[in-house]
All heavy atoms as atom14 arrays in JSON, in Angstrom:
{
  "sequence": "VPVLLIWGDRDRAVYPSSAGTLLKHFPQGKLVTMRGAGHVPYEENP",
  "atom14_mask": [
    [1, 1, 1, 1, 1, 1, 1, 0, 0, 0, 0, 0, 0, 0],
    [1, 1, 1, 1, 1, 1, 1, 0, 0, 0, 0, 0, 0, 0],
    [1, 1, 1, 1, 1, 1, 1, 0, 0, 0, 0, 0, 0, 0],
    [1, 1, 1, 1, 1, 1, 1, 1, 0, 0, 0, 0, 0, 0],
    [1, 1, 1, 1, 1, 1, 1, 1, 0, 0, 0, 0, 0, 0],
    [1, 1, 1, 1, 1, 1, 1, 1, 0, 0, 0, 0, 0, 0],
    [1, 1, 1, 1, 1, 1, 1, 1, 1, 1, 1, 1, 1, 1],
    [1, 1, 1, 1, 0, 0, 0, 0, 0, 0, 0, 0, 0, 0],
    [1, 1, 1, 1, 1, 1, 1, 1, 0, 0, 0, 0, 0, 0],
    [1, 1, 1, 1, 1, 1, 1, 1, 1, 1, 1, 0, 0, 0],
    [1, 1, 1, 1, 1, 1, 1, 1, 0, 0, 0, 0, 0, 0],
    [1, 1, 1, 1, 1, 1, 1, 1, 1, 1, 1, 0, 0, 0],
    [1, 1, 1, 1, 1, 0, 0, 0, 0, 0, 0, 0, 0, 0],
    [1, 1, 1, 1, 1, 1, 1, 0, 0, 0, 0, 0, 0, 0],
    [1, 1, 1, 1, 1, 1, 1, 1, 1, 1, 1, 1, 0, 0],
    [1, 1, 1, 1, 1, 1, 1, 0, 0, 0, 0, 0, 0, 0],
    [1, 1, 1, 1, 1, 1, 0, 0, 0, 0, 0, 0, 0, 0],
    [1, 1, 1, 1, 1, 1, 0, 0, 0, 0, 0, 0, 0, 0],
    [1, 1, 1, 1, 1, 0, 0, 0, 0, 0, 0, 0, 0, 0],
    [1, 1, 1, 1, 0, 0, 0, 0, 0, 0, 0, 0, 0, 0],
    [1, 1, 1, 1, 1, 1, 1, 0, 0, 0, 0, 0, 0, 0],
    [1, 1, 1, 1, 1, 1, 1, 1, 0, 0, 0, 0, 0, 0],
    [1, 1, 1, 1, 1, 1, 1, 1, 0, 0, 0, 0, 0, 0],
    [1, 1, 1, 1, 1, 1, 1, 1, 1, 0, 0, 0, 0, 0],
    [1, 1, 1, 1, 1, 1, 1, 1, 1, 1, 0, 0, 0, 0],
    [1, 1, 1, 1, 1, 1, 1, 1, 1, 1, 1, 0, 0, 0],
    [1, 1, 1, 1, 1, 1, 1, 0, 0, 0, 0, 0, 0, 0],
    [1, 1, 1, 1, 1, 1, 1, 1, 1, 0, 0, 0, 0, 0],
    [1, 1, 1, 1, 0, 0, 0, 0, 0, 0, 0, 0, 0, 0],
    [1, 1, 1, 1, 1, 1, 1, 1, 1, 0, 0, 0, 0, 0],
    [1, 1, 1, 1, 1, 1, 1, 1, 0, 0, 0, 0, 0, 0],
    [1, 1, 1, 1, 1, 1, 1, 0, 0, 0, 0, 0, 0, 0],
    [1, 1, 1, 1, 1, 1, 1, 0, 0, 0, 0, 0, 0, 0],
    [1, 1, 1, 1, 1, 1, 1, 1, 0, 0, 0, 0, 0, 0],
    [1, 1, 1, 1, 1, 1, 1, 1, 1, 1, 1, 0, 0, 0],
    [1, 1, 1, 1, 0, 0, 0, 0, 0, 0, 0, 0, 0, 0],
    [1, 1, 1, 1, 1, 0, 0, 0, 0, 0, 0, 0, 0, 0],
    [1, 1, 1, 1, 0, 0, 0, 0, 0, 0, 0, 0, 0, 0],
    [1, 1, 1, 1, 1, 1, 1, 1, 1, 1, 0, 0, 0, 0],
    [1, 1, 1, 1, 1, 1, 1, 0, 0, 0, 0, 0, 0, 0],
    [1, 1, 1, 1, 1, 1, 1, 0, 0, 0, 0, 0, 0, 0],
    [1, 1, 1, 1, 1, 1, 1, 1, 1, 1, 1, 1, 0, 0],
    [1, 1, 1, 1, 1, 1, 1, 1, 1, 0, 0, 0, 0, 0],
    [1, 1, 1, 1, 1, 1, 1, 1, 1, 0, 0, 0, 0, 0],
    [1, 1, 1, 1, 1, 1, 1, 1, 0, 0, 0, 0, 0, 0],
    [1, 1, 1, 1, 1, 1, 1, 0, 0, 0, 0, 0, 0, 0]
  ],
  "atom14_positions": [
    [[-113.15, 105.63, -7.53], [-113.02, 105.84, -8.97], [-113.89, 104.8, -9.69], [-114.32, 103.82, -9.08], [-111.55, 105.69, -9.41], [-110.68, 106.74, -8.73], [-111.03, 104.28, -9.14], [0.0, 0.0, 0.0], [0.0, 0.0, 0.0], [0.0, 0.0, 0.0], [0.0, 0.0, 0.0], [0.0, 0.0, 0.0], [0.0, 0.0, 0.0], [0.0, 0.0, 0.0]],
    [[-114.18, 105.01, -10.96], [-114.92, 103.99, -11.71], [-114.19, 102.65, -11.71], [-112.97, 102.59, -11.93], [-115.0, 104.58, -13.12], [-114.89, 106.06, -12.91], [-113.93, 106.22, -11.77], [0.0, 0.0, 0.0], [0.0, 0.0, 0.0], [0.0, 0.0, 0.0], [0.0, 0.0, 0.0], [0.0, 0.0, 0.0], [0.0, 0.0, 0.0], [0.0, 0.0, 0.0]],
    [[-114.92, 101.59, -11.44], [-114.36, 100.24, -11.36], [-115.15, 99.31, -12.27], [-116.38, 99.3, -12.25], [-114.4, 99.7, -9.91], [-113.89, 98.26, -9.87], [-113.57, 100.59, -8.98], [0.0, 0.0, 0.0], [0.0, 0.0, 0.0], [0.0, 0.0, 0.0], [0.0, 0.0, 0.0], [0.0, 0.0, 0.0], [0.0, 0.0, 0.0], [0.0, 0.0, 0.0]],
    [[-114.43, 98.55, -13.08], [-115.05, 97.57, -13.95], [-114.6, 96.18, -13.54], [-113.39, 95.91, -13.49], [-114.67, 97.83, -15.41], [-115.14, 96.79, -16.44], [-116.67, 96.76, -16.51], [-114.54, 97.09, -17.82], [0.0, 0.0, 0.0], [0.0, 0.0, 0.0], [0.0, 0.0, 0.0], [0.0, 0.0, 0.0], [0.0, 0.0, 0.0], [0.0, 0.0, 0.0]],
    [[-115.55, 95.32, -13.21], [-115.27, 93.91, -12.96], [-115.62, 93.12, -14.2], [-116.71, 93.29, -14.76], [-116.08, 93.39, -11.77], [-115.88, 94.05, -10.41], [-116.78, 93.39, -9.37], [-114.43, 93.96, -9.97], [0.0, 0.0, 0.0], [0.0, 0.0, 0.0], [0.0, 0.0, 0.0], [0.0, 0.0, 0.0], [0.0, 0.0, 0.0], [0.0, 0.0, 0.0]],
    [[-114.71, 92.25, -14.64], [-114.96, 91.4, -15.8], [-114.79, 89.95, -15.35], [-113.76, 89.6, -14.76], [-114.01, 91.71, -16.96], [-114.11, 93.18, -17.37], [-114.31, 90.8, -18.15], [-113.13, 93.58, -18.48], [0.0, 0.0, 0.0], [0.0, 0.0, 0.0], [0.0, 0.0, 0.0], [0.0, 0.0, 0.0], [0.0, 0.0, 0.0], [0.0, 0.0, 0.0]],
    [[-115.8, 89.13, -15.63], [-115.75, 87.73, -15.21], [-116.23, 86.84, -16.34], [-117.18, 87.19, -17.06], [-116.67, 87.49, -14.01], [-115.97, 86.93, -12.81], [-115.58, 85.63, -12.6], [-115.59, 87.65, -11.63], [-114.97, 85.51, -11.37], [-114.97, 86.72, -10.76], [-115.72, 88.98, -11.23], [-114.49, 87.09, -9.51], [-115.23, 89.35, -10.0], [-114.62, 88.4, -9.15]],
    [[-115.57, 85.71, -16.53], [-116.1, 84.68, -17.41], [-117.09, 83.83, -16.64], [-116.83, 83.46, -15.49], [0.0, 0.0, 0.0], [0.0, 0.0, 0.0], [0.0, 0.0, 0.0], [0.0, 0.0, 0.0], [0.0, 0.0, 0.0], [0.0, 0.0, 0.0], [0.0, 0.0, 0.0], [0.0, 0.0, 0.0], [0.0, 0.0, 0.0], [0.0, 0.0, 0.0]],
    [[-118.23, 83.5, -17.24], [-119.25, 82.76, -16.5], [-118.88, 81.29, -16.31], [-119.57, 80.56, -15.58], [-120.62, 82.89, -17.16], [-120.71, 82.22, -18.53], [-119.66, 81.85, -19.1], [-121.84, 82.07, -19.04], [0.0, 0.0, 0.0], [0.0, 0.0, 0.0], [0.0, 0.0, 0.0], [0.0, 0.0, 0.0], [0.0, 0.0, 0.0], [0.0, 0.0, 0.0]],
    [[-117.78, 80.85, -16.92], [-117.31, 79.48, -16.72], [-116.0, 79.45, -15.93], [-115.25, 78.46, -16.0], [-117.12, 78.78, -18.07], [-118.4, 78.61, -18.87], [-118.14, 77.81, -20.14], [-119.36, 77.69, -20.96], [-119.4, 77.05, -22.13], [-118.3, 76.48, -22.62], [-120.54, 76.98, -22.81], [0.0, 0.0, 0.0], [0.0, 0.0, 0.0], [0.0, 0.0, 0.0]],
    [[-115.73, 80.5, -15.19], [-114.49, 80.58, -14.42], [-114.51, 79.56, -13.29], [-115.39, 79.57, -12.44], [-114.35, 82.0, -13.84], [-112.95, 82.27, -13.29], [-112.24, 81.31, -12.93], [-112.58, 83.45, -13.22], [0.0, 0.0, 0.0], [0.0, 0.0, 0.0], [0.0, 0.0, 0.0], [0.0, 0.0, 0.0], [0.0, 0.0, 0.0], [0.0, 0.0, 0.0]],
    [[-113.5, 78.67, -13.27], [-113.39, 77.66, -12.21], [-112.26, 77.97, -11.25], [-112.03, 77.19, -10.32], [-113.18, 76.28, -12.83], [-114.39, 75.76, -13.59], [-114.17, 74.34, -14.08], [-113.2, 74.29, -15.18], [-112.86, 73.17, -15.81], [-113.38, 72.0, -15.42], [-112.0, 73.2, -16.81], [0.0, 0.0, 0.0], [0.0, 0.0, 0.0], [0.0, 0.0, 0.0]],
    [[-111.56, 79.08, -11.45], [-110.45, 79.43, -10.58], [-110.86, 80.43, -9.51], [-110.51, 80.29, -8.34], [-109.28, 79.98, -11.4], [0.0, 0.0, 0.0], [0.0, 0.0, 0.0], [0.0, 0.0, 0.0], [0.0, 0.0, 0.0], [0.0, 0.0, 0.0], [0.0, 0.0, 0.0], [0.0, 0.0, 0.0], [0.0, 0.0, 0.0], [0.0, 0.0, 0.0]],
    [[-111.59, 81.48, -9.91], [-112.16, 82.45, -8.97], [-113.65, 82.5, -9.28], [-114.04, 82.93, -10.36], [-111.52, 83.84, -9.11], [-112.12, 84.8, -8.08], [-110.0, 83.76, -8.92], [0.0, 0.0, 0.0], [0.0, 0.0, 0.0], [0.0, 0.0, 0.0], [0.0, 0.0, 0.0], [0.0, 0.0, 0.0], [0.0, 0.0, 0.0], [0.0, 0.0, 0.0]],
    [[-114.46, 82.06, -8.35], [-115.86, 81.81, -8.63], [-116.62, 83.07, -9.03], [-116.56, 84.09, -8.33], [-116.53, 81.18, -7.41], [-116.01, 79.81, -7.07], [-115.79, 79.44, -5.74], [-115.72, 78.88, -8.06], [-115.31, 78.18, -5.42], [-115.24, 77.62, -7.75], [-115.04, 77.27, -6.43], [-114.55, 76.03, -6.12], [0.0, 0.0, 0.0], [0.0, 0.0, 0.0]],
    [[-117.38, 83.03, -10.13], [-118.22, 84.17, -10.52], [-119.22, 84.56, -9.44], [-119.65, 85.71, -9.39], [-118.92, 83.66, -11.79], [-118.02, 82.6, -12.34], [-117.42, 81.94, -11.13], [0.0, 0.0, 0.0], [0.0, 0.0, 0.0], [0.0, 0.0, 0.0], [0.0, 0.0, 0.0], [0.0, 0.0, 0.0], [0.0, 0.0, 0.0], [0.0, 0.0, 0.0]],
    [[-119.59, 83.63, -8.58], [-120.56, 83.92, -7.52], [-120.02, 84.95, -6.53], [-120.79, 85.57, -5.79], [-120.93, 82.65, -6.76], [-119.78, 82.02, -6.22], [0.0, 0.0, 0.0], [0.0, 0.0, 0.0], [0.0, 0.0, 0.0], [0.0, 0.0, 0.0], [0.0, 0.0, 0.0], [0.0, 0.0, 0.0], [0.0, 0.0, 0.0], [0.0, 0.0, 0.0]],
    [[-118.71, 85.15, -6.51], [-118.11, 86.14, -5.59], [-118.19, 87.56, -6.15], [-117.95, 88.52, -5.42], [-116.66, 85.79, -5.3], [-115.85, 85.91, -6.47], [0.0, 0.0, 0.0], [0.0, 0.0, 0.0], [0.0, 0.0, 0.0], [0.0, 0.0, 0.0], [0.0, 0.0, 0.0], [0.0, 0.0, 0.0], [0.0, 0.0, 0.0], [0.0, 0.0, 0.0]],
    [[-118.52, 87.7, -7.42], [-118.5, 89.02, -8.06], [-119.5, 89.98, -7.45], [-119.21, 91.17, -7.25], [-118.75, 88.87, -9.57], [0.0, 0.0, 0.0], [0.0, 0.0, 0.0], [0.0, 0.0, 0.0], [0.0, 0.0, 0.0], [0.0, 0.0, 0.0], [0.0, 0.0, 0.0], [0.0, 0.0, 0.0], [0.0, 0.0, 0.0], [0.0, 0.0, 0.0]],
    [[-120.7, 89.48, -7.15], [-121.73, 90.36, -6.61], [-121.34, 90.98, -5.28], [-121.54, 92.18, -5.05], [0.0, 0.0, 0.0], [0.0, 0.0, 0.0], [0.0, 0.0, 0.0], [0.0, 0.0, 0.0], [0.0, 0.0, 0.0], [0.0, 0.0, 0.0], [0.0, 0.0, 0.0], [0.0, 0.0, 0.0], [0.0, 0.0, 0.0], [0.0, 0.0, 0.0]],
    [[-120.76, 90.17, -4.39], [-120.33, 90.69, -3.1], [-119.21, 91.7, -3.27], [-119.19, 92.76, -2.63], [-119.86, 89.53, -2.2], [-120.91, 88.58, -2.07], [-119.48, 90.05, -0.82], [0.0, 0.0, 0.0], [0.0, 0.0, 0.0], [0.0, 0.0, 0.0], [0.0, 0.0, 0.0], [0.0, 0.0, 0.0], [0.0, 0.0, 0.0], [0.0, 0.0, 0.0]],
    [[-118.26, 91.4, -4.14], [-117.16, 92.33, -4.39], [-117.67, 93.65, -4.96], [-117.21, 94.73, -4.57], [-116.15, 91.68, -5.34], [-114.87, 92.47, -5.64], [-114.08, 92.75, -4.38], [-114.01, 91.7, -6.65], [0.0, 0.0, 0.0], [0.0, 0.0, 0.0], [0.0, 0.0, 0.0], [0.0, 0.0, 0.0], [0.0, 0.0, 0.0], [0.0, 0.0, 0.0]],
    [[-118.63, 93.56, -5.86], [-119.16, 94.76, -6.52], [-119.76, 95.74, -5.53], [-119.7, 96.96, -5.73], [-120.19, 94.34, -7.57], [-120.79, 95.45, -8.44], [-119.71, 96.1, -9.31], [-121.9, 94.87, -9.32], [0.0, 0.0, 0.0], [0.0, 0.0, 0.0], [0.0, 0.0, 0.0], [0.0, 0.0, 0.0], [0.0, 0.0, 0.0], [0.0, 0.0, 0.0]],
    [[-120.34, 95.24, -4.44], [-120.97, 96.1, -3.44], [-119.99, 97.07, -2.8], [-120.41, 98.08, -2.22], [-121.63, 95.25, -2.37], [-122.81, 94.42, -2.87], [-123.37, 93.54, -1.76], [-124.51, 92.67, -2.25], [-125.02, 91.77, -1.18], [0.0, 0.0, 0.0], [0.0, 0.0, 0.0], [0.0, 0.0, 0.0], [0.0, 0.0, 0.0], [0.0, 0.0, 0.0]],
    [[-118.7, 96.8, -2.91], [-117.7, 97.66, -2.27], [-117.29, 98.84, -3.15], [-116.48, 99.67, -2.72], [-116.46, 96.83, -1.91], [-116.69, 95.86, -0.79], [-117.3, 94.64, -0.99], [-116.4, 95.94, 0.53], [-117.37, 94.0, 0.16], [-116.83, 94.76, 1.1], [0.0, 0.0, 0.0], [0.0, 0.0, 0.0], [0.0, 0.0, 0.0], [0.0, 0.0, 0.0]],
    [[-117.82, 98.91, -4.36], [-117.41, 99.97, -5.28], [-118.62, 100.84, -5.65], [-119.47, 100.42, -6.44], [-116.8, 99.37, -6.54], [-115.61, 98.5, -6.29], [-115.63, 97.15, -6.64], [-114.47, 99.0, -5.69], [-114.55, 96.33, -6.41], [-113.37, 98.19, -5.46], [-113.41, 96.86, -5.82], [0.0, 0.0, 0.0], [0.0, 0.0, 0.0], [0.0, 0.0, 0.0]],
    [[-118.69, 102.05, -5.12], [-119.83, 102.94, -5.43], [-119.98, 103.21, -6.92], [-121.1, 103.42, -7.4], [-119.47, 104.23, -4.67], [-118.57, 103.78, -3.56], [-117.78, 102.65, -4.13], [0.0, 0.0, 0.0], [0.0, 0.0, 0.0], [0.0, 0.0, 0.0], [0.0, 0.0, 0.0], [0.0, 0.0, 0.0], [0.0, 0.0, 0.0], [0.0, 0.0, 0.0]],
    [[-118.86, 103.21, -7.65], [-118.91, 103.44, -9.1], [-118.56, 102.16, -9.86], [-117.93, 102.21, -10.9], [-117.95, 104.56, -9.49], [-118.24, 105.9, -8.86], [-117.35, 106.99, -9.43], [-117.41, 107.32, -10.62], [-116.51, 107.56, -8.57], [0.0, 0.0, 0.0], [0.0, 0.0, 0.0], [0.0, 0.0, 0.0], [0.0, 0.0, 0.0], [0.0, 0.0, 0.0]],
    [[-118.98, 101.02, -9.32], [-118.62, 99.74, -9.92], [-119.61, 99.23, -10.93], [-120.8, 99.56, -10.91], [0.0, 0.0, 0.0], [0.0, 0.0, 0.0], [0.0, 0.0, 0.0], [0.0, 0.0, 0.0], [0.0, 0.0, 0.0], [0.0, 0.0, 0.0], [0.0, 0.0, 0.0], [0.0, 0.0, 0.0], [0.0, 0.0, 0.0], [0.0, 0.0, 0.0]],
    [[-119.11, 98.43, -11.84], [-119.92, 97.8, -12.88], [-119.37, 96.41, -13.13], [-118.16, 96.19, -13.12], [-119.86, 98.63, -14.17], [-120.59, 98.0, -15.37], [-120.38, 98.84, -16.63], [-121.05, 98.19, -17.84], [-120.82, 98.98, -19.08], [0.0, 0.0, 0.0], [0.0, 0.0, 0.0], [0.0, 0.0, 0.0], [0.0, 0.0, 0.0], [0.0, 0.0, 0.0]],
    [[-120.26, 95.44, -13.34], [-119.86, 94.07, -13.62], [-120.27, 93.69, -15.03], [-121.41, 93.89, -15.44], [-120.52, 93.11, -12.62], [-120.39, 91.6, -12.92], [-118.94, 91.15, -12.86], [-121.25, 90.79, -11.95], [0.0, 0.0, 0.0], [0.0, 0.0, 0.0], [0.0, 0.0, 0.0], [0.0, 0.0, 0.0], [0.0, 0.0, 0.0], [0.0, 0.0, 0.0]],
    [[-119.31, 93.14, -15.79], [-119.59, 92.59, -17.11], [-119.23, 91.11, -17.09], [-118.11, 90.74, -16.71], [-118.78, 93.3, -18.2], [-118.97, 92.59, -19.55], [-119.2, 94.76, -18.32], [0.0, 0.0, 0.0], [0.0, 0.0, 0.0], [0.0, 0.0, 0.0], [0.0, 0.0, 0.0], [0.0, 0.0, 0.0], [0.0, 0.0, 0.0], [0.0, 0.0, 0.0]],
    [[-120.19, 90.27, -17.46], [-119.95, 88.83, -17.53], [-119.79, 88.41, -18.98], [-120.64, 88.72, -19.82], [-121.12, 88.05, -16.89], [-121.26, 88.44, -15.53], [-120.87, 86.56, -16.96], [0.0, 0.0, 0.0], [0.0, 0.0, 0.0], [0.0, 0.0, 0.0], [0.0, 0.0, 0.0], [0.0, 0.0, 0.0], [0.0, 0.0, 0.0], [0.0, 0.0, 0.0]],
    [[-118.7, 87.73, -19.26], [-118.44, 87.27, -20.62], [-118.88, 85.81, -20.75], [-118.33, 84.93, -20.09], [-116.95, 87.43, -20.96], [-116.53, 88.9, -21.03], [-114.79, 89.15, -21.5], [-114.75, 88.4, -23.13], [0.0, 0.0, 0.0], [0.0, 0.0, 0.0], [0.0, 0.0, 0.0], [0.0, 0.0, 0.0], [0.0, 0.0, 0.0], [0.0, 0.0, 0.0]],
    [[-119.88, 85.58, -21.58], [-120.49, 84.27, -21.72], [-119.54, 83.28, -22.41], [-118.9, 83.61, -23.4], [-121.78, 84.37, -22.52], [-122.8, 85.32, -21.91], [-123.24, 84.85, -20.54], [-124.14, 85.81, -19.89], [-124.57, 85.71, -18.65], [-124.19, 84.67, -17.92], [-125.38, 86.62, -18.14], [0.0, 0.0, 0.0], [0.0, 0.0, 0.0], [0.0, 0.0, 0.0]],
    [[-119.46, 82.1, -21.83], [-118.65, 81.05, -22.42], [-117.18, 81.11, -22.07], [-116.43, 80.19, -22.41], [0.0, 0.0, 0.0], [0.0, 0.0, 0.0], [0.0, 0.0, 0.0], [0.0, 0.0, 0.0], [0.0, 0.0, 0.0], [0.0, 0.0, 0.0], [0.0, 0.0, 0.0], [0.0, 0.0, 0.0], [0.0, 0.0, 0.0], [0.0, 0.0, 0.0]],
    [[-116.77, 82.17, -21.39], [-115.35, 82.34, -21.06], [-115.06, 81.77, -19.68], [-115.92, 81.7, -18.8], [-114.96, 83.81, -21.11], [0.0, 0.0, 0.0], [0.0, 0.0, 0.0], [0.0, 0.0, 0.0], [0.0, 0.0, 0.0], [0.0, 0.0, 0.0], [0.0, 0.0, 0.0], [0.0, 0.0, 0.0], [0.0, 0.0, 0.0], [0.0, 0.0, 0.0]],
    [[-113.81, 81.39, -19.49], [-113.35, 80.91, -18.21], [-112.57, 81.98, -17.46], [-113.01, 83.12, -17.37], [0.0, 0.0, 0.0], [0.0, 0.0, 0.0], [0.0, 0.0, 0.0], [0.0, 0.0, 0.0], [0.0, 0.0, 0.0], [0.0, 0.0, 0.0], [0.0, 0.0, 0.0], [0.0, 0.0, 0.0], [0.0, 0.0, 0.0], [0.0, 0.0, 0.0]],
    [[-111.4, 81.62, -16.98], [-110.62, 82.5, -16.11], [-109.79, 83.53, -16.88], [-109.3, 84.48, -16.29], [-109.71, 81.65, -15.22], [-109.06, 82.39, -14.11], [-109.78, 83.08, -13.15], [-107.74, 82.58, -13.8], [-108.94, 83.64, -12.28], [-107.71, 83.35, -12.66], [0.0, 0.0, 0.0], [0.0, 0.0, 0.0], [0.0, 0.0, 0.0], [0.0, 0.0, 0.0]],
    [[-109.61, 83.32, -18.17], [-108.74, 84.22, -18.94], [-109.52, 84.76, -20.15], [-109.16, 84.5, -21.3], [-107.44, 83.52, -19.38], [-106.51, 83.34, -18.19], [-107.72, 82.15, -20.03], [0.0, 0.0, 0.0], [0.0, 0.0, 0.0], [0.0, 0.0, 0.0], [0.0, 0.0, 0.0], [0.0, 0.0, 0.0], [0.0, 0.0, 0.0], [0.0, 0.0, 0.0]],
    [[-110.57, 85.54, -19.94], [-111.41, 86.01, -21.05], [-110.65, 86.87, -22.04], [-111.05, 86.95, -23.21], [-112.51, 86.8, -20.35], [-111.95, 87.19, -19.03], [-111.06, 86.05, -18.64], [0.0, 0.0, 0.0], [0.0, 0.0, 0.0], [0.0, 0.0, 0.0], [0.0, 0.0, 0.0], [0.0, 0.0, 0.0], [0.0, 0.0, 0.0], [0.0, 0.0, 0.0]],
    [[-109.58, 87.52, -21.61], [-108.78, 88.35, -22.52], [-108.05, 87.51, -23.55], [-107.64, 88.02, -24.6], [-107.77, 89.2, -21.73], [-107.12, 88.47, -20.58], [-105.99, 87.69, -20.77], [-107.65, 88.57, -19.3], [-105.4, 87.02, -19.72], [-107.08, 87.9, -18.24], [-105.95, 87.13, -18.45], [-105.38, 86.45, -17.4], [0.0, 0.0, 0.0], [0.0, 0.0, 0.0]],
    [[-107.89, 86.21, -23.29], [-107.31, 85.29, -24.28], [-108.39, 84.54, -25.04], [-108.23, 84.24, -26.22], [-106.39, 84.28, -23.59], [-105.2, 84.89, -22.88], [-104.22, 83.83, -22.38], [-104.01, 82.84, -23.11], [-103.67, 84.01, -21.28], [0.0, 0.0, 0.0], [0.0, 0.0, 0.0], [0.0, 0.0, 0.0], [0.0, 0.0, 0.0], [0.0, 0.0, 0.0]],
    [[-109.49, 84.21, -24.37], [-110.53, 83.38, -24.97], [-111.38, 84.13, -25.97], [-111.77, 83.58, -27.0], [-111.4, 82.8, -23.85], [-110.62, 81.94, -22.87], [-111.45, 81.57, -21.66], [-112.3, 80.66, -21.8], [-111.27, 82.17, -20.58], [0.0, 0.0, 0.0], [0.0, 0.0, 0.0], [0.0, 0.0, 0.0], [0.0, 0.0, 0.0], [0.0, 0.0, 0.0]],
    [[-111.69, 85.38, -25.67], [-112.46, 86.22, -26.6], [-111.86, 87.62, -26.57], [-112.46, 88.56, -26.03], [-113.93, 86.25, -26.21], [-114.8, 86.82, -27.31], [-114.31, 87.53, -28.19], [-116.09, 86.52, -27.28], [0.0, 0.0, 0.0], [0.0, 0.0, 0.0], [0.0, 0.0, 0.0], [0.0, 0.0, 0.0], [0.0, 0.0, 0.0], [0.0, 0.0, 0.0]],
    [[-110.66, 87.78, -27.13], [-109.96, 89.06, -27.0], [-110.67, 90.23, -27.67], [-110.6, 91.35, -27.17], [-108.59, 88.79, -27.65], [-108.81, 87.6, -28.53], [-109.86, 86.78, -27.85], [0.0, 0.0, 0.0], [0.0, 0.0, 0.0], [0.0, 0.0, 0.0], [0.0, 0.0, 0.0], [0.0, 0.0, 0.0], [0.0, 0.0, 0.0], [0.0, 0.0, 0.0]]
  ]
}
């Protein structure tokens, strides 16, 4: 199914560098990076 990955580029809890490898597992995947956000982008830039 369609998969959306959302990552803050300042995330220190789950490394943004892991997003690319994870994305490869989803044929319908998409990655969006939120600039300036950390681990909780839904709170930092809702």
